[in-house]
N, C-alpha and C. Protein backbone atom coordinates (compact mmCIF):
# COMPACT_ATOMS: atom_id res chain seq x y z
N THR A 1 -9.69 8.05 1.84
CA THR A 1 -9.26 9.17 2.66
C THR A 1 -7.86 9.18 2.74
N ALA A 2 -7.11 8.01 2.93
CA ALA A 2 -5.77 8.07 2.87
C ALA A 2 -5.05 8.66 1.47
N VAL A 3 -5.66 8.02 0.37
CA VAL A 3 -5.09 8.62 -0.92
C VAL A 3 -5.37 9.95 -1.00
N LEU A 4 -6.51 10.67 -0.58
CA LEU A 4 -6.62 11.96 -0.88
C LEU A 4 -5.75 12.62 0.09
N GLU A 5 -5.82 12.32 1.47
CA GLU A 5 -5.02 13.07 2.33
C GLU A 5 -3.49 13.08 1.79
N LEU A 6 -2.89 11.91 1.70
CA LEU A 6 -1.61 11.91 0.98
C LEU A 6 -1.26 12.85 0.00
N ALA A 7 -2.32 12.73 -1.06
CA ALA A 7 -2.10 13.70 -2.44
C ALA A 7 -2.09 15.15 -1.85
N ARG A 8 -3.12 15.54 -1.02
CA ARG A 8 -3.20 16.87 -0.58
C ARG A 8 -1.88 17.21 0.22
N VAL A 9 -1.33 16.38 1.19
CA VAL A 9 -0.09 16.92 1.85
C VAL A 9 1.09 16.94 0.99
N LEU A 10 1.21 16.03 0.17
CA LEU A 10 2.36 15.75 -0.56
C LEU A 10 2.41 16.85 -1.72
N ALA A 11 1.26 17.24 -2.26
CA ALA A 11 1.07 18.22 -3.28
C ALA A 11 1.41 19.65 -2.62
N SER A 12 1.27 19.82 -1.38
CA SER A 12 1.35 21.17 -0.70
C SER A 12 2.81 21.42 -0.33
N GLY A 13 3.79 20.52 -0.60
CA GLY A 13 5.14 20.69 -0.23
C GLY A 13 5.96 21.12 -1.51
N LYS A 14 7.21 21.36 -1.32
CA LYS A 14 8.23 21.47 -2.25
C LYS A 14 8.15 20.51 -3.42
N PRO A 15 8.09 20.89 -4.86
CA PRO A 15 8.09 19.98 -5.74
C PRO A 15 9.07 18.80 -5.57
N MET A 16 8.80 17.46 -5.94
CA MET A 16 9.68 16.46 -5.69
C MET A 16 10.43 15.90 -6.75
N LYS A 17 11.60 15.30 -6.84
CA LYS A 17 12.35 14.92 -8.03
C LYS A 17 11.63 14.06 -8.73
N ARG A 18 10.86 13.14 -8.07
CA ARG A 18 9.97 12.17 -8.92
C ARG A 18 8.37 12.47 -8.99
N GLY A 19 7.74 12.20 -9.82
CA GLY A 19 6.38 12.38 -9.77
C GLY A 19 5.66 11.24 -9.00
N ILE A 20 4.51 11.47 -8.44
CA ILE A 20 3.69 10.51 -7.82
C ILE A 20 2.39 10.40 -8.29
N LEU A 21 1.88 9.22 -8.65
CA LEU A 21 0.65 9.06 -9.27
C LEU A 21 -0.34 8.55 -7.98
N PHE A 22 -1.45 9.32 -7.95
CA PHE A 22 -2.37 8.92 -7.03
C PHE A 22 -3.69 8.22 -7.75
N VAL A 23 -3.84 6.96 -7.42
CA VAL A 23 -4.88 6.17 -8.19
C VAL A 23 -6.01 5.46 -7.26
N ALA A 24 -6.97 5.55 -7.76
CA ALA A 24 -8.14 4.90 -6.94
C ALA A 24 -8.83 3.98 -7.94
N TYR A 25 -8.75 2.66 -7.48
CA TYR A 25 -9.15 1.68 -8.51
C TYR A 25 -10.60 1.15 -8.01
N GLY A 26 -11.28 0.43 -8.77
CA GLY A 26 -12.55 -0.02 -8.46
C GLY A 26 -12.47 -1.46 -8.81
N SER A 27 -13.43 -2.27 -8.38
CA SER A 27 -13.63 -3.68 -8.64
C SER A 27 -12.74 -4.78 -8.24
N GLU A 28 -11.94 -4.44 -7.03
CA GLU A 28 -10.98 -5.38 -6.52
C GLU A 28 -11.73 -6.60 -6.05
N GLU A 29 -12.87 -6.33 -5.37
CA GLU A 29 -13.47 -7.51 -4.92
C GLU A 29 -14.16 -8.44 -5.80
N ILE A 30 -14.22 -7.97 -7.16
CA ILE A 30 -14.85 -9.00 -8.03
C ILE A 30 -13.99 -9.30 -9.24
N GLY A 31 -12.67 -9.29 -8.72
CA GLY A 31 -11.51 -9.66 -9.91
C GLY A 31 -10.61 -8.59 -10.09
N GLY A 32 -10.59 -7.60 -9.31
CA GLY A 32 -9.36 -6.65 -9.55
C GLY A 32 -9.34 -5.85 -10.95
N PHE A 33 -10.51 -5.64 -11.42
CA PHE A 33 -10.72 -5.19 -12.81
C PHE A 33 -10.00 -3.62 -12.90
N GLY A 34 -10.08 -2.83 -11.95
CA GLY A 34 -9.57 -1.55 -11.99
C GLY A 34 -7.93 -1.75 -12.07
N SER A 35 -7.42 -2.33 -11.16
CA SER A 35 -5.89 -2.43 -11.20
C SER A 35 -5.27 -3.33 -12.37
N THR A 36 -6.11 -4.26 -12.81
CA THR A 36 -5.81 -4.92 -14.01
C THR A 36 -5.75 -4.01 -15.22
N TYR A 37 -6.84 -3.21 -15.12
CA TYR A 37 -6.91 -2.18 -16.54
C TYR A 37 -5.65 -1.31 -16.38
N PHE A 38 -5.58 -0.78 -15.04
CA PHE A 38 -4.25 0.11 -14.98
C PHE A 38 -3.14 -0.34 -15.64
N ALA A 39 -2.77 -1.63 -15.12
CA ALA A 39 -1.50 -2.25 -15.53
C ALA A 39 -1.33 -2.54 -16.93
N ALA A 40 -2.72 -2.63 -17.50
CA ALA A 40 -2.54 -2.92 -19.02
C ALA A 40 -2.58 -1.61 -19.76
N HIS A 41 -2.91 -0.47 -19.20
CA HIS A 41 -3.08 0.66 -19.96
C HIS A 41 -2.49 1.93 -18.81
N PRO A 42 -1.15 1.82 -18.45
CA PRO A 42 -0.69 2.74 -17.57
C PRO A 42 -0.56 4.08 -18.25
N PRO A 43 -0.80 5.13 -17.48
CA PRO A 43 -0.65 6.66 -18.15
C PRO A 43 0.85 7.02 -18.44
N VAL A 44 1.88 6.23 -17.75
CA VAL A 44 3.23 6.37 -18.11
C VAL A 44 3.71 4.74 -18.19
N PRO A 45 4.73 4.67 -18.72
CA PRO A 45 5.42 3.31 -18.91
C PRO A 45 5.59 2.78 -17.65
N LEU A 46 5.20 1.54 -17.43
CA LEU A 46 5.25 0.70 -16.42
C LEU A 46 6.89 0.77 -15.92
N THR A 47 7.75 0.93 -16.58
CA THR A 47 9.34 1.07 -16.25
C THR A 47 9.47 2.39 -15.71
N SER A 48 8.62 3.34 -15.44
CA SER A 48 8.82 4.51 -14.98
C SER A 48 8.29 4.44 -13.71
N ILE A 49 7.43 3.41 -13.19
CA ILE A 49 6.78 3.48 -11.94
C ILE A 49 7.79 2.68 -10.96
N ILE A 50 8.46 3.16 -10.04
CA ILE A 50 9.54 2.69 -9.33
C ILE A 50 8.93 1.66 -8.07
N ALA A 51 7.72 2.11 -7.84
CA ALA A 51 7.05 1.16 -6.57
C ALA A 51 5.50 1.70 -6.63
N ASN A 52 4.75 0.79 -6.13
CA ASN A 52 3.28 0.79 -5.98
C ASN A 52 2.90 0.47 -4.61
N LEU A 53 2.35 1.39 -3.86
CA LEU A 53 1.81 1.22 -2.35
C LEU A 53 0.37 1.26 -2.50
N GLU A 54 -0.36 0.25 -2.13
CA GLU A 54 -1.70 0.28 -2.09
C GLU A 54 -2.11 0.52 -0.58
N ILE A 55 -3.13 1.17 -0.36
CA ILE A 55 -3.75 1.40 1.06
C ILE A 55 -5.06 0.94 1.13
N GLU A 56 -5.35 0.20 2.13
CA GLU A 56 -6.76 -0.39 2.38
C GLU A 56 -7.08 -0.89 3.72
N MET A 57 -8.15 -0.82 4.46
CA MET A 57 -8.58 -1.31 5.54
C MET A 57 -7.66 -0.93 6.58
N ILE A 58 -7.52 0.52 6.52
CA ILE A 58 -6.73 1.15 7.74
C ILE A 58 -7.66 1.83 8.71
N GLY A 59 -8.86 1.31 8.79
CA GLY A 59 -9.94 1.78 9.77
C GLY A 59 -9.89 1.05 11.19
N ALA A 60 -9.03 0.24 11.26
CA ALA A 60 -9.00 -0.53 12.45
C ALA A 60 -7.59 -1.16 12.68
N GLN A 61 -7.18 -1.37 13.94
CA GLN A 61 -5.87 -1.89 14.33
C GLN A 61 -5.97 -3.17 14.78
N ASP A 62 -4.95 -4.15 13.74
CA ASP A 62 -5.09 -5.41 13.92
C ASP A 62 -4.44 -5.88 15.29
N PRO A 63 -5.13 -6.62 16.02
CA PRO A 63 -4.51 -7.07 17.61
C PRO A 63 -3.25 -7.86 17.35
N LYS A 64 -3.05 -8.50 16.12
CA LYS A 64 -1.66 -9.33 16.30
C LYS A 64 -0.57 -8.49 15.94
N LEU A 65 -0.80 -7.15 15.63
CA LEU A 65 0.45 -6.19 15.34
C LEU A 65 0.77 -5.21 16.46
N PRO A 66 2.02 -4.85 16.64
CA PRO A 66 2.20 -3.92 17.60
C PRO A 66 1.29 -2.57 17.35
N LYS A 67 1.06 -1.88 18.43
CA LYS A 67 0.30 -0.65 18.44
C LYS A 67 0.64 0.26 17.43
N GLY A 68 -0.25 0.79 16.66
CA GLY A 68 0.01 1.65 15.67
C GLY A 68 0.53 1.24 14.35
N VAL A 69 0.96 -0.15 14.18
CA VAL A 69 1.55 -0.59 13.05
C VAL A 69 0.64 -1.29 12.09
N MET A 70 0.88 -1.04 10.75
CA MET A 70 0.15 -1.57 9.70
C MET A 70 0.89 -2.66 9.18
N MET A 71 0.22 -3.70 8.57
CA MET A 71 0.88 -4.74 7.98
C MET A 71 1.07 -4.39 6.48
N MET A 72 2.11 -5.00 5.85
CA MET A 72 2.30 -4.73 4.30
C MET A 72 2.49 -6.16 3.87
N THR A 73 1.69 -6.42 2.91
CA THR A 73 1.37 -7.74 2.24
C THR A 73 2.82 -7.89 1.35
N GLY A 74 3.13 -9.15 1.44
CA GLY A 74 4.35 -9.35 0.57
C GLY A 74 5.71 -8.86 1.23
N TYR A 75 5.68 -8.14 2.38
CA TYR A 75 6.55 -7.45 3.01
C TYR A 75 8.07 -8.05 2.75
N ASP A 76 8.34 -9.40 2.94
CA ASP A 76 9.57 -9.93 2.82
C ASP A 76 9.99 -10.32 1.32
N ARG A 77 9.14 -10.03 0.33
CA ARG A 77 9.47 -10.11 -1.04
C ARG A 77 10.39 -9.01 -1.77
N SER A 78 10.28 -7.96 -1.14
CA SER A 78 11.23 -6.85 -1.64
C SER A 78 11.79 -6.15 -0.76
N THR A 79 12.66 -5.08 -1.03
CA THR A 79 13.12 -4.20 -0.15
C THR A 79 12.41 -2.87 0.20
N PHE A 80 11.15 -2.77 -0.32
CA PHE A 80 10.26 -1.75 -0.12
C PHE A 80 9.88 -1.45 1.14
N GLY A 81 9.29 -2.54 1.80
CA GLY A 81 8.89 -2.26 3.35
C GLY A 81 9.88 -1.82 4.14
N GLU A 82 11.00 -2.58 4.14
CA GLU A 82 12.11 -2.23 5.03
C GLU A 82 12.65 -0.91 4.74
N ALA A 83 12.73 -0.39 3.54
CA ALA A 83 13.21 1.13 3.30
C ALA A 83 12.11 2.06 3.81
N MET A 84 10.63 1.84 3.57
CA MET A 84 9.80 2.64 4.17
C MET A 84 9.72 2.55 5.68
N LYS A 85 9.98 1.50 6.35
CA LYS A 85 9.98 1.39 7.69
C LYS A 85 11.01 2.27 8.20
N ALA A 86 12.16 2.09 7.49
CA ALA A 86 13.42 2.70 8.03
C ALA A 86 13.28 4.22 7.99
N HIS A 87 12.30 4.79 7.06
CA HIS A 87 12.20 6.16 6.96
C HIS A 87 10.68 6.82 7.72
N GLY A 88 10.34 5.74 8.57
CA GLY A 88 9.06 6.14 9.44
C GLY A 88 8.03 5.65 9.20
N ALA A 89 7.67 4.71 8.23
CA ALA A 89 6.37 4.14 7.91
C ALA A 89 6.13 3.05 8.94
N LEU A 90 4.99 3.20 9.43
CA LEU A 90 4.53 2.10 10.55
C LEU A 90 4.03 0.80 10.08
N VAL A 91 5.02 0.24 9.41
CA VAL A 91 4.55 -1.11 8.73
C VAL A 91 5.39 -2.29 9.16
N THR A 92 4.81 -3.44 9.01
CA THR A 92 5.52 -4.72 9.53
C THR A 92 5.17 -5.59 8.45
N ALA A 93 5.66 -7.07 8.52
CA ALA A 93 5.13 -8.04 7.64
C ALA A 93 3.74 -8.62 8.17
N ASP A 94 3.07 -9.17 7.17
CA ASP A 94 1.77 -9.45 7.13
C ASP A 94 1.60 -10.63 8.06
N PRO A 95 0.76 -10.51 9.10
CA PRO A 95 0.64 -11.71 10.10
C PRO A 95 -0.30 -12.89 9.65
N TYR A 96 -0.70 -12.59 8.36
CA TYR A 96 -1.83 -13.64 7.79
C TYR A 96 -1.21 -14.37 6.57
N PRO A 97 -0.02 -14.90 6.53
CA PRO A 97 0.61 -15.35 5.08
C PRO A 97 -0.51 -16.54 4.46
N GLU A 98 -1.07 -17.16 5.30
CA GLU A 98 -1.91 -18.05 4.81
C GLU A 98 -3.32 -17.55 4.09
N GLN A 99 -3.39 -16.28 4.27
CA GLN A 99 -4.54 -15.66 3.59
C GLN A 99 -4.28 -15.35 2.09
N ASN A 100 -2.99 -15.23 1.93
CA ASN A 100 -2.50 -14.77 0.57
C ASN A 100 -2.91 -13.31 0.27
N PHE A 101 -2.97 -12.35 1.13
CA PHE A 101 -3.37 -10.97 0.80
C PHE A 101 -2.46 -10.37 -0.28
N PHE A 102 -1.18 -10.61 -0.13
CA PHE A 102 -0.42 -10.15 -1.40
C PHE A 102 -1.00 -10.41 -2.86
N GLN A 103 -1.30 -11.68 -2.97
CA GLN A 103 -1.81 -12.05 -4.31
C GLN A 103 -3.48 -11.67 -4.32
N ARG A 104 -4.09 -11.30 -3.37
CA ARG A 104 -5.55 -10.94 -3.50
C ARG A 104 -5.81 -9.46 -3.54
N SER A 105 -4.76 -8.62 -3.50
CA SER A 105 -4.93 -7.17 -3.45
C SER A 105 -4.43 -6.46 -4.75
N ASP A 106 -4.96 -5.21 -4.92
CA ASP A 106 -4.76 -4.60 -6.19
C ASP A 106 -3.21 -4.35 -6.40
N ASN A 107 -2.43 -4.51 -5.52
CA ASN A 107 -1.01 -4.40 -5.86
C ASN A 107 -0.52 -5.55 -6.91
N TYR A 108 -1.14 -6.57 -6.68
CA TYR A 108 -0.78 -7.82 -7.48
C TYR A 108 -0.76 -7.57 -9.12
N SER A 109 -1.68 -6.96 -9.53
CA SER A 109 -1.68 -6.51 -11.01
C SER A 109 -0.42 -5.93 -11.37
N LEU A 110 0.24 -4.96 -10.65
CA LEU A 110 1.27 -4.13 -11.16
C LEU A 110 2.51 -5.03 -10.53
N ALA A 111 2.37 -5.92 -9.70
CA ALA A 111 3.54 -6.84 -9.41
C ALA A 111 3.76 -7.85 -10.32
N LEU A 112 2.69 -8.28 -10.98
CA LEU A 112 2.83 -9.35 -12.17
C LEU A 112 3.51 -8.71 -13.20
N GLN A 113 3.38 -7.39 -13.25
CA GLN A 113 4.25 -6.65 -14.56
C GLN A 113 5.66 -6.30 -14.08
N GLY A 114 5.99 -6.63 -12.84
CA GLY A 114 7.38 -6.39 -12.54
C GLY A 114 7.48 -5.10 -11.48
N VAL A 115 6.59 -4.40 -11.26
CA VAL A 115 6.47 -3.25 -10.28
C VAL A 115 6.76 -3.87 -9.03
N VAL A 116 7.56 -3.30 -8.23
CA VAL A 116 7.63 -3.65 -6.82
C VAL A 116 6.26 -2.93 -6.19
N ALA A 117 5.47 -3.68 -5.88
CA ALA A 117 3.95 -3.46 -5.35
C ALA A 117 3.51 -4.20 -4.14
N HIS A 118 3.02 -3.24 -3.12
CA HIS A 118 2.62 -4.02 -1.97
C HIS A 118 1.30 -3.42 -1.49
N THR A 119 0.71 -3.84 -0.57
CA THR A 119 -0.46 -3.18 0.11
C THR A 119 -0.25 -3.08 1.64
N VAL A 120 -0.60 -1.93 2.20
CA VAL A 120 -0.58 -1.86 3.71
C VAL A 120 -2.14 -1.76 4.19
N SER A 121 -2.19 -2.15 5.39
CA SER A 121 -3.47 -2.55 5.84
C SER A 121 -3.46 -2.55 7.31
N GLY A 122 -4.42 -1.82 8.07
CA GLY A 122 -4.45 -2.16 9.43
C GLY A 122 -4.71 -3.27 9.80
N TRP A 123 -5.96 -3.80 9.37
CA TRP A 123 -6.70 -5.07 9.94
C TRP A 123 -7.38 -5.70 8.89
N ALA A 124 -6.71 -6.60 7.98
CA ALA A 124 -7.31 -7.25 7.05
C ALA A 124 -8.53 -8.05 7.18
N VAL A 125 -8.50 -8.67 8.42
CA VAL A 125 -9.60 -9.60 8.67
C VAL A 125 -10.53 -9.04 9.87
N VAL A 126 -10.93 -7.81 9.76
CA VAL A 126 -11.59 -7.22 10.83
C VAL A 126 -13.00 -7.86 10.81
N PRO A 127 -13.42 -8.28 12.02
CA PRO A 127 -14.77 -9.07 12.11
C PRO A 127 -16.05 -8.34 11.43
N THR A 128 -15.93 -7.15 11.16
CA THR A 128 -17.12 -6.36 10.57
C THR A 128 -17.00 -6.54 9.04
N TYR A 129 -15.82 -6.75 8.51
CA TYR A 129 -15.59 -6.90 6.95
C TYR A 129 -16.87 -7.52 6.13
N HIS A 130 -17.38 -6.47 5.29
CA HIS A 130 -18.59 -7.04 4.53
C HIS A 130 -19.67 -7.52 5.28
N THR A 131 -19.98 -6.52 6.30
CA THR A 131 -21.15 -7.11 6.93
C THR A 131 -21.89 -5.70 7.25
N PRO A 132 -23.09 -5.62 7.62
CA PRO A 132 -23.96 -4.45 7.95
C PRO A 132 -23.25 -3.77 9.08
N ASN A 133 -22.51 -4.40 10.01
CA ASN A 133 -22.08 -3.83 11.15
C ASN A 133 -20.68 -3.02 10.85
N ASP A 134 -20.17 -2.96 9.43
CA ASP A 134 -19.11 -2.26 8.93
C ASP A 134 -19.49 -0.86 8.98
N THR A 135 -19.41 -0.14 10.00
CA THR A 135 -19.99 1.34 9.79
C THR A 135 -19.02 2.36 10.31
N VAL A 136 -19.25 3.52 9.96
CA VAL A 136 -18.18 4.62 10.13
C VAL A 136 -18.00 4.77 11.82
N GLU A 137 -18.91 4.33 12.49
CA GLU A 137 -18.80 4.27 13.84
C GLU A 137 -17.65 3.47 14.41
N LYS A 138 -17.30 2.31 13.61
CA LYS A 138 -16.24 1.41 14.06
C LYS A 138 -14.90 1.86 13.57
N LEU A 139 -14.70 2.83 12.87
CA LEU A 139 -13.50 3.37 12.57
C LEU A 139 -12.59 3.88 13.73
N ASP A 140 -11.33 3.46 13.77
CA ASP A 140 -10.42 3.92 14.63
C ASP A 140 -9.67 5.15 13.87
N ILE A 141 -10.37 6.44 14.27
CA ILE A 141 -9.80 7.73 13.51
C ILE A 141 -8.13 7.85 13.91
N ASP A 142 -8.03 7.73 15.10
CA ASP A 142 -6.63 7.87 15.55
C ASP A 142 -5.55 7.27 15.04
N PHE A 143 -5.95 5.79 14.77
CA PHE A 143 -5.04 4.83 14.12
C PHE A 143 -4.99 5.31 12.71
N MET A 144 -6.04 5.61 12.04
CA MET A 144 -6.08 5.93 10.74
C MET A 144 -5.16 7.23 10.47
N THR A 145 -5.31 8.17 11.38
CA THR A 145 -4.48 9.49 11.25
C THR A 145 -3.08 9.13 11.38
N ALA A 146 -2.74 8.29 12.29
CA ALA A 146 -1.12 7.95 12.48
C ALA A 146 -0.72 7.26 11.34
N ALA A 147 -1.55 6.27 10.86
CA ALA A 147 -1.06 5.33 9.60
C ALA A 147 -0.81 6.13 8.61
N ILE A 148 -1.87 7.28 8.15
CA ILE A 148 -1.62 7.96 7.09
C ILE A 148 -0.17 8.88 7.35
N GLN A 149 -0.23 9.66 8.47
CA GLN A 149 0.76 10.37 8.79
C GLN A 149 2.24 9.79 8.75
N SER A 150 2.18 8.46 9.01
CA SER A 150 3.44 7.64 8.90
C SER A 150 3.90 7.50 7.49
N LEU A 151 3.19 7.54 6.54
CA LEU A 151 3.61 7.38 5.11
C LEU A 151 3.95 8.72 4.27
N VAL A 152 3.58 9.92 4.95
CA VAL A 152 4.02 11.21 4.16
C VAL A 152 5.73 11.31 4.18
N GLY A 153 6.34 11.22 5.27
CA GLY A 153 7.75 11.19 5.30
C GLY A 153 8.39 10.19 4.15
N PRO A 154 8.11 8.94 4.50
CA PRO A 154 8.68 7.83 3.59
C PRO A 154 8.40 8.10 2.12
N ALA A 155 7.01 8.60 1.88
CA ALA A 155 6.79 8.76 0.48
C ALA A 155 7.53 10.02 -0.25
N ARG A 156 7.79 10.88 0.65
CA ARG A 156 8.54 12.24 0.33
C ARG A 156 10.02 11.79 -0.09
N TRP A 157 10.46 11.09 0.98
CA TRP A 157 11.81 10.49 0.81
C TRP A 157 11.96 9.59 -0.55
N LEU A 158 11.17 8.69 -0.74
CA LEU A 158 11.25 7.93 -1.83
C LEU A 158 10.95 8.84 -3.07
N ALA A 159 10.21 9.67 -3.19
CA ALA A 159 9.90 10.75 -4.33
C ALA A 159 11.31 11.47 -4.56
N ASN A 160 12.13 11.84 -3.58
CA ASN A 160 13.28 12.73 -3.80
C ASN A 160 14.56 12.02 -3.62
N SER A 161 14.52 10.78 -3.47
CA SER A 161 15.69 9.99 -3.56
C SER A 161 15.98 9.15 -4.84
N ALA A 162 17.32 8.45 -4.96
CA ALA A 162 17.51 7.83 -6.16
C ALA A 162 17.13 6.38 -5.87
N PHE A 163 16.52 6.08 -4.58
CA PHE A 163 16.32 4.61 -4.39
C PHE A 163 15.37 3.90 -5.07
N ARG A 164 15.65 2.74 -5.67
CA ARG A 164 14.56 2.04 -6.45
C ARG A 164 14.41 0.61 -5.65
N PRO A 165 13.27 0.56 -5.19
CA PRO A 165 13.03 -0.67 -4.42
C PRO A 165 13.22 -2.02 -5.37
N SER A 166 13.77 -3.16 -5.02
CA SER A 166 13.89 -4.16 -5.80
C SER A 166 13.24 -5.66 -5.13
N TRP A 167 12.92 -6.37 -6.18
CA TRP A 167 12.54 -7.63 -5.60
C TRP A 167 13.76 -8.28 -4.97
N LYS A 168 13.53 -9.20 -3.88
CA LYS A 168 14.34 -10.11 -3.22
C LYS A 168 14.31 -11.43 -4.16
N PRO A 169 15.55 -12.17 -4.01
CA PRO A 169 15.42 -13.29 -4.81
C PRO A 169 14.00 -14.12 -4.31
N GLY A 170 13.37 -14.71 -5.41
CA GLY A 170 12.20 -15.37 -5.37
C GLY A 170 10.99 -14.62 -5.02
N GLY A 171 11.12 -13.32 -4.68
CA GLY A 171 9.96 -12.48 -4.42
C GLY A 171 9.17 -12.04 -5.42
N LYS A 172 9.62 -11.83 -6.63
CA LYS A 172 8.89 -11.27 -7.79
C LYS A 172 7.97 -12.25 -8.13
N PRO A 173 6.61 -12.04 -8.16
CA PRO A 173 5.81 -12.99 -8.83
C PRO A 173 5.77 -13.51 -10.28
N GLY A 174 5.53 -14.63 -10.55
CA GLY A 174 5.43 -15.09 -11.93
C GLY A 174 4.17 -14.75 -12.55
N LYS A 175 4.23 -14.53 -13.93
CA LYS A 175 2.99 -14.52 -14.68
C LYS A 175 2.14 -15.61 -14.92
């Protein structure tokens, strides 16, 4: 939903200086095959991709985070999260560093190739995750809407600016 809505909204505005790729991967849970394939066979040179932002698990608000805020995996590894936050994205650091979500999400396939890549999530350890109780009725539509809307302005800013997120010292993952 988030990817499609961001694509719809960003495509409806004035053309941007930089292009934006909207990609939906498959098979993250069984080895990240979709994102790994994309990183090995990108439709544009990886050096042309200035940043990668994955969106997942935004159907509920994490109780450890301030109201309305999403976590960003690896937030402190690069300048990307801080820049997005400064331009209105409702993001903050991952409150579960021991879970290694940065390495466990689709962003990691591109991060290993040097692309500044992170994932935003509402609540990555929601109790209903991968259970029969994970139903549409459990979605927090207001949170999802605000989360998606908070990414529009920062994405548009990034696509129209000369800013290029960079890895902080020690932040870039090794192969």
